[in-house]
Amino acid sequence: MTPSIRDESTAKALTSESSPLLDGLCLLIVDDDPDTRCLFALALEEDGAEVIVAASADEALNVVEQHQPDVVVSDILMPYVTGYDLIRQVKDLDARRGKQTLAIAVTALAGYEERTRALEAGFSGYLPKPVNIDNLSAIVAILAGRAIAV
């Protein structure tokens, strides 16, 4: 069973590896804001991840179909197709493939209800904006089994 990261307080990561924490992981960043995509991509690449970015949920679904990323980091509030719609489509695709794609919801809608909704929708983790980049890397590492939550 995949651990669920419920908030930033569980994002303290411990690892004994000398290589970058996210080395070898393929991550998909989905956000309609180009500055957010760039910031997340740079930070996660610095930690060793291979990062693909998408500006919309439709673009992201194509990436998921072609590249099968290890973790999807998706904004919730996007025009036309929301992060909730995206995670529903990813979970449908996973069911057909017999795979489980881990996903982290990132949203300006902070609060218990929004976090609960994101986790119930199928996201494995939740981060309110503005996102602490160290917490983002830690949560990705925890979900991917590269670190433990303390």
Protein backbone atom coordinates (compact mmCIF):
# COMPACT_ATOMS: atom_id res chain seq x y z
CA MET A 1 0.00 0.00 0.00
CA THR A 2 1.28 3.46 -0.91
CA PRO A 3 1.76 5.85 1.97
CA SER A 4 -0.45 8.87 1.93
CA ILE A 5 1.22 12.17 2.63
CA ARG A 6 -1.46 14.26 4.27
CA ASP A 7 0.31 17.51 4.95
CA GLU A 8 3.63 19.32 5.07
CA SER A 9 4.37 18.29 8.66
CA THR A 10 5.03 14.71 7.52
CA ALA A 11 7.49 15.83 4.86
CA LYS A 12 10.68 15.46 6.85
CA ALA A 13 12.74 12.99 4.82
CA LEU A 14 15.59 10.80 5.96
CA THR A 15 17.91 9.02 3.58
CA SER A 16 21.34 7.47 3.83
CA GLU A 17 22.11 7.57 0.13
CA SER A 18 24.85 9.83 -1.17
CA SER A 19 23.26 10.14 -4.62
CA PRO A 20 20.57 12.73 -5.25
CA LEU A 21 17.36 11.84 -3.47
CA LEU A 22 15.24 11.62 -6.63
CA ASP A 23 17.88 10.13 -8.93
CA GLY A 24 16.28 8.09 -11.71
CA LEU A 25 12.68 9.08 -11.03
CA CYS A 26 10.51 10.39 -13.85
CA LEU A 27 8.24 13.18 -12.62
CA LEU A 28 5.46 15.06 -14.38
CA ILE A 29 4.73 18.63 -13.29
CA VAL A 30 1.29 19.92 -14.33
CA ASP A 31 0.45 23.58 -13.81
CA ASP A 32 -1.02 26.29 -16.00
CA ASP A 33 1.41 28.83 -14.50
CA PRO A 34 4.75 28.78 -16.36
CA ASP A 35 6.71 30.19 -13.40
CA THR A 36 5.46 27.41 -11.11
CA ARG A 37 6.30 24.74 -13.69
CA CYS A 38 9.80 26.15 -14.07
CA LEU A 39 10.44 26.49 -10.32
CA PHE A 40 9.23 22.96 -9.54
CA ALA A 41 11.15 21.47 -12.49
CA LEU A 42 14.42 23.17 -11.56
CA ALA A 43 14.19 22.16 -7.91
CA LEU A 44 13.27 18.54 -8.64
CA GLU A 45 15.91 18.19 -11.35
CA GLU A 46 18.48 19.50 -8.88
CA ASP A 47 17.51 16.59 -6.63
CA GLY A 48 18.16 14.15 -9.50
CA ALA A 49 14.74 13.64 -11.09
CA GLU A 50 13.96 13.56 -14.78
CA VAL A 51 11.17 16.13 -15.12
CA ILE A 52 8.56 16.56 -17.82
CA VAL A 53 6.26 19.58 -17.68
CA ALA A 54 2.72 20.05 -18.95
CA ALA A 55 0.68 23.25 -19.10
CA SER A 56 -2.73 21.55 -19.00
CA ALA A 57 -4.45 18.38 -17.86
CA ASP A 58 -4.98 17.29 -21.47
CA GLU A 59 -1.27 17.67 -22.22
CA ALA A 60 -0.45 15.84 -19.00
CA LEU A 61 -2.63 12.86 -19.87
CA ASN A 62 -0.75 12.48 -23.15
CA VAL A 63 2.53 12.50 -21.21
CA VAL A 64 1.22 9.89 -18.76
CA GLU A 65 0.17 7.65 -21.66
CA GLN A 66 3.56 7.95 -23.38
CA HIS A 67 6.07 8.15 -20.52
CA GLN A 68 4.37 6.57 -17.49
CA PRO A 69 5.94 8.90 -14.89
CA ASP A 70 6.64 7.65 -11.39
CA VAL A 71 4.99 10.67 -9.73
CA VAL A 72 2.63 13.37 -11.04
CA VAL A 73 2.65 16.75 -9.28
CA SER A 74 -0.50 18.56 -10.37
CA ASP A 75 -2.17 21.86 -9.70
CA ILE A 76 -5.87 21.50 -8.94
CA LEU A 77 -7.22 24.80 -10.27
CA MET A 78 -6.51 24.78 -14.00
CA PRO A 79 -8.76 26.08 -16.77
CA TYR A 80 -10.96 23.68 -18.76
CA VAL A 81 -9.85 20.40 -17.14
CA THR A 82 -9.00 20.46 -13.42
CA GLY A 83 -6.45 18.43 -11.50
CA TYR A 84 -9.36 16.36 -10.17
CA ASP A 85 -10.38 15.49 -13.72
CA LEU A 86 -6.77 14.63 -14.54
CA ILE A 87 -6.30 12.30 -11.56
CA ARG A 88 -9.56 10.52 -12.42
CA GLN A 89 -8.29 9.92 -15.97
CA VAL A 90 -4.87 8.81 -14.74
CA LYS A 91 -6.47 6.34 -12.30
CA ASP A 92 -8.66 4.97 -15.13
CA LEU A 93 -5.56 4.52 -17.28
CA ASP A 94 -3.73 2.89 -14.37
CA ALA A 95 -6.58 0.40 -13.91
CA ARG A 96 -6.34 -0.63 -17.56
CA ARG A 97 -2.54 -0.98 -17.32
CA GLY A 98 -2.43 -2.62 -13.90
CA LYS A 99 -0.21 0.18 -12.64
CA GLN A 100 -0.37 2.79 -9.88
CA THR A 101 0.78 6.32 -10.63
CA LEU A 102 1.51 8.33 -7.51
CA ALA A 103 0.24 11.90 -7.53
CA ILE A 104 0.57 15.02 -5.40
CA ALA A 105 -2.10 17.73 -5.45
CA VAL A 106 -0.82 21.30 -5.29
CA THR A 107 -3.39 24.03 -4.78
CA ALA A 108 -4.07 27.51 -3.52
CA LEU A 109 -7.22 26.09 -1.93
CA ALA A 110 -5.81 25.38 1.49
CA GLY A 111 -7.79 23.74 4.24
CA TYR A 112 -8.93 20.46 5.69
CA GLU A 113 -11.85 20.04 3.29
CA GLU A 114 -9.71 20.60 0.21
CA ARG A 115 -7.00 18.22 1.46
CA THR A 116 -9.63 15.57 2.18
CA ARG A 117 -11.20 16.05 -1.26
CA ALA A 118 -7.80 15.69 -2.96
CA LEU A 119 -6.94 12.49 -1.10
CA GLU A 120 -10.39 11.01 -1.73
CA ALA A 121 -10.08 11.88 -5.43
CA GLY A 122 -6.98 9.68 -5.68
CA PHE A 123 -4.04 11.94 -4.94
CA SER A 124 -1.42 10.37 -2.68
CA GLY A 125 -0.31 13.68 -1.22
CA TYR A 126 -1.38 17.29 -0.86
CA LEU A 127 0.53 20.57 -0.65
CA PRO A 128 -1.02 24.02 -0.30
CA LYS A 129 0.50 26.94 -2.20
CA PRO A 130 2.87 28.60 -1.76
CA VAL A 131 4.85 25.36 -1.77
CA ASN A 132 8.06 24.98 0.19
CA ILE A 133 10.33 23.42 -2.44
CA ASP A 134 12.18 21.31 0.14
CA ASN A 135 8.85 19.83 1.22
CA LEU A 136 7.94 19.07 -2.40
CA SER A 137 11.16 17.11 -2.92
CA ALA A 138 10.73 15.34 0.41
CA ILE A 139 7.15 14.29 -0.32
CA VAL A 140 8.11 13.00 -3.77
CA ALA A 141 10.95 11.03 -2.16
CA ILE A 142 8.66 9.59 0.51
CA LEU A 143 5.98 8.55 -1.99
CA ALA A 144 8.58 6.96 -4.26
CA GLY A 145 10.07 5.00 -1.34
CA ARG A 146 13.35 6.94 -1.38
CA ALA A 147 12.93 8.36 2.11
CA ILE A 148 10.88 7.84 5.23
CA ALA A 149 8.53 10.25 6.95
CA VAL A 150 9.32 11.14 10.53
